[in-house]
């Protein structure tokens, strides 16, 4: 279980670093806020908190990517 927690922390750290560099500040802050909301909803409904957090962080990650990047 400890190993699993370490893995998810590394995924979150990597995702946040990537998003911070890829998104403008407002969109990055929005994604952080959505991840908190996703965690709260997961808690209320008995879903996986880490998966919800990651989904919240990444929900807009392709918003500013061009068609060329998305279809590569």
N, C-alpha and C. Protein backbone atom coordinates (compact mmCIF):
# COMPACT_ATOMS: atom_id res chain seq x y z
N UNK A 1 0.83 -1.20 0.00
CA UNK A 1 0.00 0.00 0.00
C UNK A 1 0.88 1.26 0.00
N UNK A 2 1.96 1.24 0.76
CA UNK A 2 2.88 2.37 0.81
C UNK A 2 3.50 2.61 -0.56
N UNK A 3 3.83 1.51 -1.26
CA UNK A 3 4.39 1.61 -2.60
C UNK A 3 3.40 2.29 -3.55
N UNK A 4 2.13 1.91 -3.42
CA UNK A 4 1.07 2.48 -4.24
C UNK A 4 0.95 3.99 -4.00
N UNK A 5 1.03 4.41 -2.73
CA UNK A 5 0.94 5.83 -2.39
C UNK A 5 2.11 6.59 -3.02
N UNK A 6 3.31 6.01 -2.95
CA UNK A 6 4.48 6.65 -3.55
C UNK A 6 4.34 6.82 -5.05
N UNK A 7 3.77 5.81 -5.69
CA UNK A 7 3.55 5.88 -7.14
C UNK A 7 2.60 7.02 -7.48
N UNK A 8 1.47 7.09 -6.77
CA UNK A 8 0.48 8.14 -7.05
C UNK A 8 1.04 9.52 -6.77
N UNK A 9 1.86 9.65 -5.74
CA UNK A 9 2.47 10.95 -5.44
C UNK A 9 3.40 11.37 -6.58
N UNK A 10 4.15 10.41 -7.12
CA UNK A 10 5.04 10.71 -8.24
C UNK A 10 4.25 11.11 -9.49
N UNK A 11 3.15 10.41 -9.74
CA UNK A 11 2.28 10.76 -10.87
C UNK A 11 1.74 12.17 -10.70
N UNK A 12 1.27 12.49 -9.49
CA UNK A 12 0.72 13.82 -9.23
C UNK A 12 1.78 14.90 -9.39
N UNK A 13 2.97 14.68 -8.84
CA UNK A 13 4.05 15.66 -8.94
C UNK A 13 4.42 15.88 -10.40
N UNK A 14 4.58 14.79 -11.14
CA UNK A 14 4.92 14.91 -12.57
C UNK A 14 3.82 15.63 -13.34
N UNK A 15 2.57 15.28 -13.06
CA UNK A 15 1.45 15.91 -13.76
C UNK A 15 1.38 17.40 -13.46
N UNK A 16 1.55 17.78 -12.20
CA UNK A 16 1.50 19.20 -11.83
C UNK A 16 2.62 19.98 -12.49
N UNK A 17 3.82 19.41 -12.50
CA UNK A 17 4.96 20.10 -13.14
C UNK A 17 4.68 20.29 -14.63
N UNK A 18 4.20 19.24 -15.26
CA UNK A 18 3.91 19.34 -16.70
C UNK A 18 2.80 20.36 -16.97
N UNK A 19 1.73 20.29 -16.20
CA UNK A 19 0.62 21.22 -16.41
C UNK A 19 1.03 22.66 -16.16
N UNK A 20 1.83 22.88 -15.13
CA UNK A 20 2.26 24.25 -14.81
C UNK A 20 3.05 24.85 -15.97
N UNK A 21 3.83 24.01 -16.65
CA UNK A 21 4.60 24.50 -17.80
C UNK A 21 3.77 24.61 -19.07
N UNK A 22 2.71 23.82 -19.17
CA UNK A 22 1.92 23.77 -20.40
C UNK A 22 0.73 24.71 -20.42
N UNK A 23 0.22 25.07 -19.23
CA UNK A 23 -0.98 25.89 -19.15
C UNK A 23 -0.65 27.29 -18.64
N UNK A 24 -1.50 28.25 -18.97
CA UNK A 24 -1.31 29.57 -18.38
C UNK A 24 -1.71 29.48 -16.90
N UNK A 25 -1.32 30.48 -16.13
CA UNK A 25 -1.51 30.45 -14.67
C UNK A 25 -2.97 30.27 -14.28
N UNK A 26 -3.86 30.97 -14.96
CA UNK A 26 -5.28 30.88 -14.64
C UNK A 26 -5.83 29.47 -14.89
N UNK A 27 -5.46 28.87 -16.01
CA UNK A 27 -5.93 27.53 -16.34
C UNK A 27 -5.33 26.50 -15.38
N UNK A 28 -4.06 26.70 -14.98
CA UNK A 28 -3.42 25.80 -14.02
C UNK A 28 -4.15 25.85 -12.68
N UNK A 29 -4.41 27.05 -12.18
CA UNK A 29 -5.12 27.21 -10.91
C UNK A 29 -6.52 26.59 -10.99
N UNK A 30 -7.16 26.75 -12.13
CA UNK A 30 -8.47 26.14 -12.36
C UNK A 30 -8.39 24.62 -12.23
N UNK A 31 -7.37 24.02 -12.84
CA UNK A 31 -7.21 22.57 -12.79
C UNK A 31 -6.95 22.08 -11.37
N UNK A 32 -6.18 22.84 -10.59
CA UNK A 32 -5.94 22.49 -9.18
C UNK A 32 -7.27 22.53 -8.42
N UNK A 33 -8.06 23.58 -8.65
CA UNK A 33 -9.36 23.70 -7.98
C UNK A 33 -10.29 22.55 -8.36
N UNK A 34 -10.30 22.19 -9.62
CA UNK A 34 -11.15 21.09 -10.07
C UNK A 34 -10.71 19.78 -9.42
N UNK A 35 -9.39 19.60 -9.24
CA UNK A 35 -8.92 18.38 -8.59
C UNK A 35 -9.41 18.30 -7.15
N UNK A 36 -9.45 19.44 -6.44
CA UNK A 36 -9.97 19.44 -5.07
C UNK A 36 -11.46 19.10 -5.05
N UNK A 37 -12.19 19.65 -5.99
CA UNK A 37 -13.63 19.35 -6.09
C UNK A 37 -13.85 17.87 -6.42
N UNK A 38 -13.03 17.34 -7.31
CA UNK A 38 -13.14 15.93 -7.68
C UNK A 38 -12.87 15.02 -6.48
N UNK A 39 -11.89 15.39 -5.65
CA UNK A 39 -11.60 14.61 -4.45
C UNK A 39 -12.80 14.64 -3.50
N UNK A 40 -13.37 15.82 -3.30
CA UNK A 40 -14.54 15.95 -2.42
C UNK A 40 -15.70 15.10 -2.91
N UNK A 41 -15.95 15.13 -4.21
CA UNK A 41 -17.03 14.32 -4.78
C UNK A 41 -16.74 12.82 -4.63
N UNK A 42 -15.48 12.43 -4.83
CA UNK A 42 -15.10 11.02 -4.67
C UNK A 42 -15.30 10.57 -3.23
N UNK A 43 -14.95 11.44 -2.29
CA UNK A 43 -15.15 11.11 -0.86
C UNK A 43 -16.64 10.90 -0.57
N UNK A 44 -17.44 11.81 -1.07
CA UNK A 44 -18.89 11.77 -0.81
C UNK A 44 -19.56 10.54 -1.41
N UNK A 45 -18.99 10.02 -2.50
CA UNK A 45 -19.64 8.93 -3.21
C UNK A 45 -18.87 7.62 -3.18
N UNK A 46 -17.79 7.59 -2.39
CA UNK A 46 -17.05 6.35 -2.21
C UNK A 46 -16.19 5.90 -3.38
N UNK A 47 -15.67 6.84 -4.14
CA UNK A 47 -14.81 6.50 -5.27
C UNK A 47 -13.34 6.70 -4.91
N UNK A 48 -12.47 6.23 -5.77
CA UNK A 48 -11.03 6.31 -5.58
C UNK A 48 -10.57 7.78 -5.57
N UNK A 49 -9.98 8.22 -4.47
CA UNK A 49 -9.58 9.62 -4.33
C UNK A 49 -8.44 10.01 -5.26
N UNK A 50 -7.47 9.13 -5.39
CA UNK A 50 -6.31 9.45 -6.25
C UNK A 50 -6.72 9.52 -7.72
N UNK A 51 -7.56 8.61 -8.15
CA UNK A 51 -8.03 8.65 -9.53
C UNK A 51 -8.84 9.92 -9.79
N UNK A 52 -9.67 10.29 -8.82
CA UNK A 52 -10.46 11.52 -8.97
C UNK A 52 -9.55 12.74 -9.03
N UNK A 53 -8.54 12.76 -8.17
CA UNK A 53 -7.60 13.89 -8.17
C UNK A 53 -6.89 14.01 -9.51
N UNK A 54 -6.41 12.90 -10.03
CA UNK A 54 -5.72 12.92 -11.32
C UNK A 54 -6.66 13.34 -12.44
N UNK A 55 -7.88 12.85 -12.41
CA UNK A 55 -8.87 13.25 -13.43
C UNK A 55 -9.13 14.75 -13.37
N UNK A 56 -9.24 15.28 -12.16
CA UNK A 56 -9.45 16.72 -12.00
C UNK A 56 -8.28 17.53 -12.53
N UNK A 57 -7.07 17.07 -12.24
CA UNK A 57 -5.88 17.78 -12.72
C UNK A 57 -5.81 17.78 -14.24
N UNK A 58 -6.15 16.66 -14.83
CA UNK A 58 -5.93 16.49 -16.28
C UNK A 58 -7.15 16.80 -17.14
N UNK A 59 -8.24 17.22 -16.54
CA UNK A 59 -9.48 17.37 -17.32
C UNK A 59 -9.37 18.38 -18.45
N UNK A 60 -8.51 19.36 -18.36
CA UNK A 60 -8.34 20.38 -19.40
C UNK A 60 -6.99 20.30 -20.11
N UNK A 61 -6.24 19.24 -19.87
CA UNK A 61 -4.84 19.23 -20.33
C UNK A 61 -4.69 19.36 -21.85
N UNK A 62 -5.66 18.96 -22.62
CA UNK A 62 -5.54 19.05 -24.08
C UNK A 62 -6.19 20.30 -24.66
N UNK A 63 -6.71 21.14 -23.79
CA UNK A 63 -7.48 22.30 -24.25
C UNK A 63 -6.70 23.22 -25.19
N UNK A 64 -5.40 23.39 -24.93
CA UNK A 64 -4.60 24.32 -25.74
C UNK A 64 -3.68 23.62 -26.73
N UNK A 65 -3.82 22.30 -26.86
CA UNK A 65 -3.00 21.57 -27.82
C UNK A 65 -3.60 21.71 -29.21
N UNK A 66 -2.74 21.84 -30.18
CA UNK A 66 -3.21 21.93 -31.55
C UNK A 66 -3.64 20.58 -32.09
N UNK A 67 -4.36 20.60 -33.18
CA UNK A 67 -4.86 19.39 -33.80
C UNK A 67 -3.71 18.44 -34.18
N UNK A 68 -2.59 19.02 -34.61
CA UNK A 68 -1.44 18.23 -35.01
C UNK A 68 -0.90 17.41 -33.85
N UNK A 69 -0.84 17.99 -32.68
CA UNK A 69 -0.34 17.29 -31.49
C UNK A 69 -1.33 16.22 -31.07
N UNK A 70 -2.62 16.53 -31.10
CA UNK A 70 -3.63 15.59 -30.63
C UNK A 70 -3.79 14.38 -31.53
N UNK A 71 -3.49 14.51 -32.81
CA UNK A 71 -3.65 13.39 -33.74
C UNK A 71 -2.36 12.66 -34.02
N UNK A 72 -1.27 13.08 -33.39
CA UNK A 72 0.05 12.42 -33.62
C UNK A 72 0.12 11.10 -32.94
